[in-house]
């Protein structure tokens, strides 16, 4: 996965290190039922209450797994993946 580190030229801020990540991906859902089932098995609670067959459930399940797991998602083909990373200001 290509990652662009946007903060290489930026000074390292004092205090705690806060990293801001921005990830972009295009995913083709090849098996929505498998994807939703895997998310539920991993602890996803479907907070919006989508029916498991609703395409919105697959979107939420993919996002939940993507941010909490790895780039390997059952029932999904990764079409592209990339992102940016750098230092973020610490909120007071």
N, C-alpha and C. Protein backbone atom coordinates (compact mmCIF):
# COMPACT_ATOMS: atom_id res chain seq x y z
N UNK A 1 0.85 -1.17 0.00
CA UNK A 1 0.00 0.00 0.00
C UNK A 1 0.89 1.23 0.00
N UNK A 2 0.76 2.09 -0.99
CA UNK A 2 1.57 3.31 -0.98
C UNK A 2 1.05 4.30 0.04
N UNK A 3 1.95 4.80 0.87
CA UNK A 3 1.61 5.81 1.87
C UNK A 3 2.51 7.02 1.62
N UNK A 4 1.91 8.17 1.53
CA UNK A 4 2.66 9.40 1.39
C UNK A 4 2.77 10.03 2.76
N UNK A 5 3.99 10.18 3.24
CA UNK A 5 4.22 10.80 4.55
C UNK A 5 4.32 12.30 4.32
N UNK A 6 3.27 13.03 4.67
CA UNK A 6 3.21 14.45 4.37
C UNK A 6 4.02 15.31 5.33
N UNK A 7 4.49 14.72 6.42
CA UNK A 7 5.17 15.53 7.42
C UNK A 7 6.68 15.42 7.42
N UNK A 8 7.29 14.88 6.36
CA UNK A 8 8.74 14.68 6.37
C UNK A 8 9.48 16.00 6.55
N UNK A 9 9.04 17.05 5.88
CA UNK A 9 9.72 18.35 5.98
C UNK A 9 9.23 19.16 7.18
N UNK A 10 8.15 18.72 7.81
CA UNK A 10 7.58 19.46 8.93
C UNK A 10 8.37 19.19 10.20
N UNK A 11 8.50 20.20 11.06
CA UNK A 11 9.17 19.96 12.34
C UNK A 11 8.31 19.03 13.20
N UNK A 12 8.99 18.23 13.99
CA UNK A 12 8.28 17.34 14.91
C UNK A 12 7.75 18.18 16.05
N UNK A 13 6.43 18.14 16.30
CA UNK A 13 5.87 18.97 17.37
C UNK A 13 6.32 18.50 18.75
N UNK A 14 6.36 19.45 19.67
CA UNK A 14 6.69 19.12 21.06
C UNK A 14 5.48 18.46 21.71
N UNK A 15 5.71 17.72 22.75
CA UNK A 15 4.62 17.08 23.46
C UNK A 15 4.29 15.72 22.88
N UNK A 16 3.09 15.22 23.16
CA UNK A 16 2.73 13.89 22.69
C UNK A 16 2.66 13.84 21.16
N UNK A 17 3.05 12.71 20.61
CA UNK A 17 2.99 12.53 19.17
C UNK A 17 1.58 12.15 18.76
N UNK A 18 0.99 12.96 17.92
CA UNK A 18 -0.33 12.68 17.37
C UNK A 18 -0.16 12.52 15.87
N UNK A 19 -0.59 11.39 15.34
CA UNK A 19 -0.46 11.11 13.92
C UNK A 19 -1.83 11.17 13.28
N UNK A 20 -1.92 11.88 12.19
CA UNK A 20 -3.18 11.96 11.45
C UNK A 20 -3.05 11.11 10.20
N UNK A 21 -3.96 10.16 10.04
CA UNK A 21 -3.93 9.26 8.89
C UNK A 21 -5.13 9.53 8.00
N UNK A 22 -4.90 9.48 6.73
CA UNK A 22 -5.97 9.59 5.76
C UNK A 22 -5.79 8.42 4.81
N UNK A 23 -6.79 7.57 4.72
CA UNK A 23 -6.67 6.37 3.91
C UNK A 23 -7.75 6.38 2.84
N UNK A 24 -7.36 6.07 1.63
CA UNK A 24 -8.31 5.99 0.54
C UNK A 24 -8.23 4.60 -0.06
N UNK A 25 -9.38 4.05 -0.33
CA UNK A 25 -9.42 2.72 -0.94
C UNK A 25 -10.67 2.59 -1.78
N UNK A 26 -10.59 1.78 -2.80
CA UNK A 26 -11.77 1.41 -3.60
C UNK A 26 -11.91 -0.09 -3.47
N UNK A 27 -13.07 -0.52 -3.03
CA UNK A 27 -13.32 -1.93 -2.77
C UNK A 27 -14.50 -2.41 -3.60
N UNK A 28 -14.36 -3.56 -4.21
CA UNK A 28 -15.48 -4.18 -4.91
C UNK A 28 -16.01 -5.29 -4.00
N UNK A 29 -17.24 -5.16 -3.56
CA UNK A 29 -17.83 -6.17 -2.69
C UNK A 29 -18.25 -7.35 -3.57
N UNK A 30 -17.59 -8.47 -3.38
CA UNK A 30 -17.88 -9.66 -4.17
C UNK A 30 -18.80 -10.63 -3.44
N UNK A 31 -18.87 -10.52 -2.12
CA UNK A 31 -19.75 -11.37 -1.32
C UNK A 31 -20.17 -10.58 -0.08
N UNK A 32 -21.26 -9.82 -0.21
CA UNK A 32 -21.71 -8.94 0.87
C UNK A 32 -22.07 -9.72 2.12
N UNK A 33 -22.72 -10.86 1.96
CA UNK A 33 -23.12 -11.66 3.13
C UNK A 33 -21.89 -12.10 3.93
N UNK A 34 -20.85 -12.54 3.24
CA UNK A 34 -19.62 -12.96 3.91
C UNK A 34 -18.96 -11.79 4.62
N UNK A 35 -18.95 -10.65 3.99
CA UNK A 35 -18.36 -9.45 4.57
C UNK A 35 -19.09 -9.04 5.85
N UNK A 36 -20.41 -8.96 5.79
CA UNK A 36 -21.21 -8.58 6.96
C UNK A 36 -21.06 -9.62 8.06
N UNK A 37 -21.08 -10.89 7.70
CA UNK A 37 -20.92 -11.96 8.69
C UNK A 37 -19.57 -11.87 9.39
N UNK A 38 -18.51 -11.58 8.64
CA UNK A 38 -17.18 -11.45 9.23
C UNK A 38 -17.11 -10.27 10.19
N UNK A 39 -17.74 -9.17 9.81
CA UNK A 39 -17.75 -7.99 10.69
C UNK A 39 -18.50 -8.29 11.99
N UNK A 40 -19.63 -8.93 11.88
CA UNK A 40 -20.41 -9.28 13.08
C UNK A 40 -19.60 -10.22 13.97
N UNK A 41 -18.96 -11.22 13.37
CA UNK A 41 -18.15 -12.17 14.14
C UNK A 41 -16.97 -11.47 14.83
N UNK A 42 -16.49 -10.38 14.24
CA UNK A 42 -15.36 -9.64 14.82
C UNK A 42 -15.80 -8.59 15.84
N UNK A 43 -17.12 -8.44 16.03
CA UNK A 43 -17.61 -7.51 17.05
C UNK A 43 -18.38 -6.31 16.55
N UNK A 44 -18.57 -6.19 15.24
CA UNK A 44 -19.35 -5.08 14.70
C UNK A 44 -20.79 -5.22 15.16
N UNK A 45 -21.37 -4.15 15.67
CA UNK A 45 -22.71 -4.21 16.25
C UNK A 45 -23.77 -3.57 15.37
N UNK A 46 -23.44 -3.20 14.12
CA UNK A 46 -24.40 -2.63 13.19
C UNK A 46 -25.19 -1.49 13.85
N UNK A 47 -24.49 -0.43 14.27
CA UNK A 47 -25.14 0.62 15.04
C UNK A 47 -26.27 1.35 14.31
N UNK A 48 -26.25 1.32 12.97
CA UNK A 48 -27.32 1.98 12.23
C UNK A 48 -28.52 1.07 11.99
N UNK A 49 -28.41 -0.19 12.40
CA UNK A 49 -29.53 -1.12 12.31
C UNK A 49 -29.89 -1.55 10.90
N UNK A 50 -28.92 -1.53 9.97
CA UNK A 50 -29.20 -1.95 8.61
C UNK A 50 -29.51 -3.44 8.57
N UNK A 51 -30.45 -3.81 7.73
CA UNK A 51 -30.70 -5.23 7.45
C UNK A 51 -29.41 -5.79 6.85
N UNK A 52 -28.98 -7.00 7.24
CA UNK A 52 -27.73 -7.55 6.71
C UNK A 52 -27.68 -7.62 5.18
N UNK A 53 -28.83 -7.69 4.53
CA UNK A 53 -28.86 -7.74 3.08
C UNK A 53 -28.82 -6.37 2.42
N UNK A 54 -28.94 -5.31 3.19
CA UNK A 54 -28.92 -3.95 2.66
C UNK A 54 -27.49 -3.60 2.25
N UNK A 55 -27.28 -3.04 1.05
CA UNK A 55 -25.93 -2.65 0.64
C UNK A 55 -25.26 -1.69 1.62
N UNK A 56 -26.03 -0.89 2.34
CA UNK A 56 -25.45 0.01 3.34
C UNK A 56 -24.78 -0.77 4.47
N UNK A 57 -25.29 -1.94 4.79
CA UNK A 57 -24.66 -2.78 5.81
C UNK A 57 -23.27 -3.20 5.36
N UNK A 58 -23.12 -3.53 4.08
CA UNK A 58 -21.82 -3.92 3.55
C UNK A 58 -20.84 -2.75 3.62
N UNK A 59 -21.32 -1.55 3.32
CA UNK A 59 -20.45 -0.36 3.40
C UNK A 59 -19.98 -0.16 4.84
N UNK A 60 -20.89 -0.17 5.78
CA UNK A 60 -20.53 0.02 7.19
C UNK A 60 -19.62 -1.10 7.70
N UNK A 61 -19.93 -2.34 7.32
CA UNK A 61 -19.12 -3.48 7.76
C UNK A 61 -17.70 -3.38 7.20
N UNK A 62 -17.58 -3.00 5.93
CA UNK A 62 -16.26 -2.86 5.32
C UNK A 62 -15.46 -1.77 6.02
N UNK A 63 -16.09 -0.64 6.26
CA UNK A 63 -15.40 0.46 6.93
C UNK A 63 -14.97 0.06 8.34
N UNK A 64 -15.85 -0.59 9.06
CA UNK A 64 -15.53 -1.01 10.43
C UNK A 64 -14.35 -1.98 10.43
N UNK A 65 -14.40 -3.00 9.58
CA UNK A 65 -13.31 -3.97 9.52
C UNK A 65 -12.02 -3.30 9.04
N UNK A 66 -12.13 -2.43 8.06
CA UNK A 66 -10.96 -1.77 7.48
C UNK A 66 -10.22 -0.94 8.53
N UNK A 67 -10.95 -0.24 9.37
CA UNK A 67 -10.31 0.62 10.36
C UNK A 67 -9.86 -0.13 11.61
N UNK A 68 -10.39 -1.31 11.84
CA UNK A 68 -10.05 -2.04 13.06
C UNK A 68 -9.24 -3.30 12.81
N UNK A 69 -9.11 -3.68 11.56
CA UNK A 69 -8.49 -4.95 11.26
C UNK A 69 -7.31 -4.74 10.32
N UNK A 70 -7.38 -5.30 9.16
CA UNK A 70 -6.31 -5.20 8.18
C UNK A 70 -6.92 -4.91 6.82
N UNK A 71 -6.06 -4.85 5.84
CA UNK A 71 -6.54 -4.64 4.48
C UNK A 71 -7.13 -5.91 3.88
N UNK A 72 -7.07 -7.02 4.59
CA UNK A 72 -7.64 -8.27 4.11
C UNK A 72 -9.07 -8.39 4.62
N UNK A 73 -10.01 -8.28 3.71
CA UNK A 73 -11.41 -8.37 4.07
C UNK A 73 -12.06 -9.51 3.30
N UNK A 74 -12.79 -10.38 3.99
CA UNK A 74 -13.47 -11.45 3.27
C UNK A 74 -14.60 -10.88 2.42
N UNK A 75 -14.74 -11.41 1.23
CA UNK A 75 -15.81 -10.97 0.36
C UNK A 75 -15.55 -9.64 -0.30
N UNK A 76 -14.28 -9.22 -0.37
CA UNK A 76 -13.94 -7.91 -0.94
C UNK A 76 -12.70 -8.05 -1.81
N UNK A 77 -12.71 -7.40 -2.95
CA UNK A 77 -11.51 -7.28 -3.78
C UNK A 77 -11.03 -5.83 -3.68
N UNK A 78 -9.79 -5.63 -3.27
CA UNK A 78 -9.24 -4.29 -3.14
C UNK A 78 -8.82 -3.81 -4.53
N UNK A 79 -9.46 -2.74 -4.99
CA UNK A 79 -9.15 -2.20 -6.31
C UNK A 79 -7.98 -1.23 -6.25
N UNK A 80 -7.90 -0.44 -5.19
CA UNK A 80 -6.76 0.44 -4.98
C UNK A 80 -6.71 0.79 -3.50
N UNK A 81 -5.52 1.13 -3.05
CA UNK A 81 -5.32 1.42 -1.63
C UNK A 81 -4.17 2.40 -1.51
N UNK A 82 -4.30 3.38 -0.68
CA UNK A 82 -3.24 4.35 -0.47
C UNK A 82 -3.63 5.29 0.65
N UNK A 83 -2.80 6.26 0.91
CA UNK A 83 -3.14 7.20 1.96
C UNK A 83 -2.04 8.19 2.22
N UNK A 84 -2.24 8.99 3.23
CA UNK A 84 -1.29 10.00 3.67
C UNK A 84 -1.15 9.90 5.18
N UNK A 85 0.02 10.24 5.66
CA UNK A 85 0.24 10.25 7.10
C UNK A 85 1.15 11.42 7.44
N UNK A 86 0.91 12.04 8.57
CA UNK A 86 1.73 13.14 9.02
C UNK A 86 1.37 13.50 10.44
N UNK A 87 2.04 14.50 10.98
CA UNK A 87 1.76 14.93 12.33
C UNK A 87 0.53 15.82 12.35
N UNK A 88 -0.25 15.70 13.39
CA UNK A 88 -1.43 16.53 13.59
C UNK A 88 -1.22 17.36 14.84
N UNK A 89 -1.80 18.55 14.88
CA UNK A 89 -1.67 19.36 16.09
C UNK A 89 -2.40 18.70 17.25
N UNK A 90 -1.88 18.88 18.44
CA UNK A 90 -2.52 18.36 19.64
C UNK A 90 -3.62 19.31 20.05
N UNK A 91 -4.81 18.81 20.22
CA UNK A 91 -5.93 19.64 20.66
C UNK A 91 -5.77 20.00 22.12
N UNK A 92 -6.06 21.26 22.48
CA UNK A 92 -5.93 21.65 23.90
C UNK A 92 -7.00 21.00 24.76
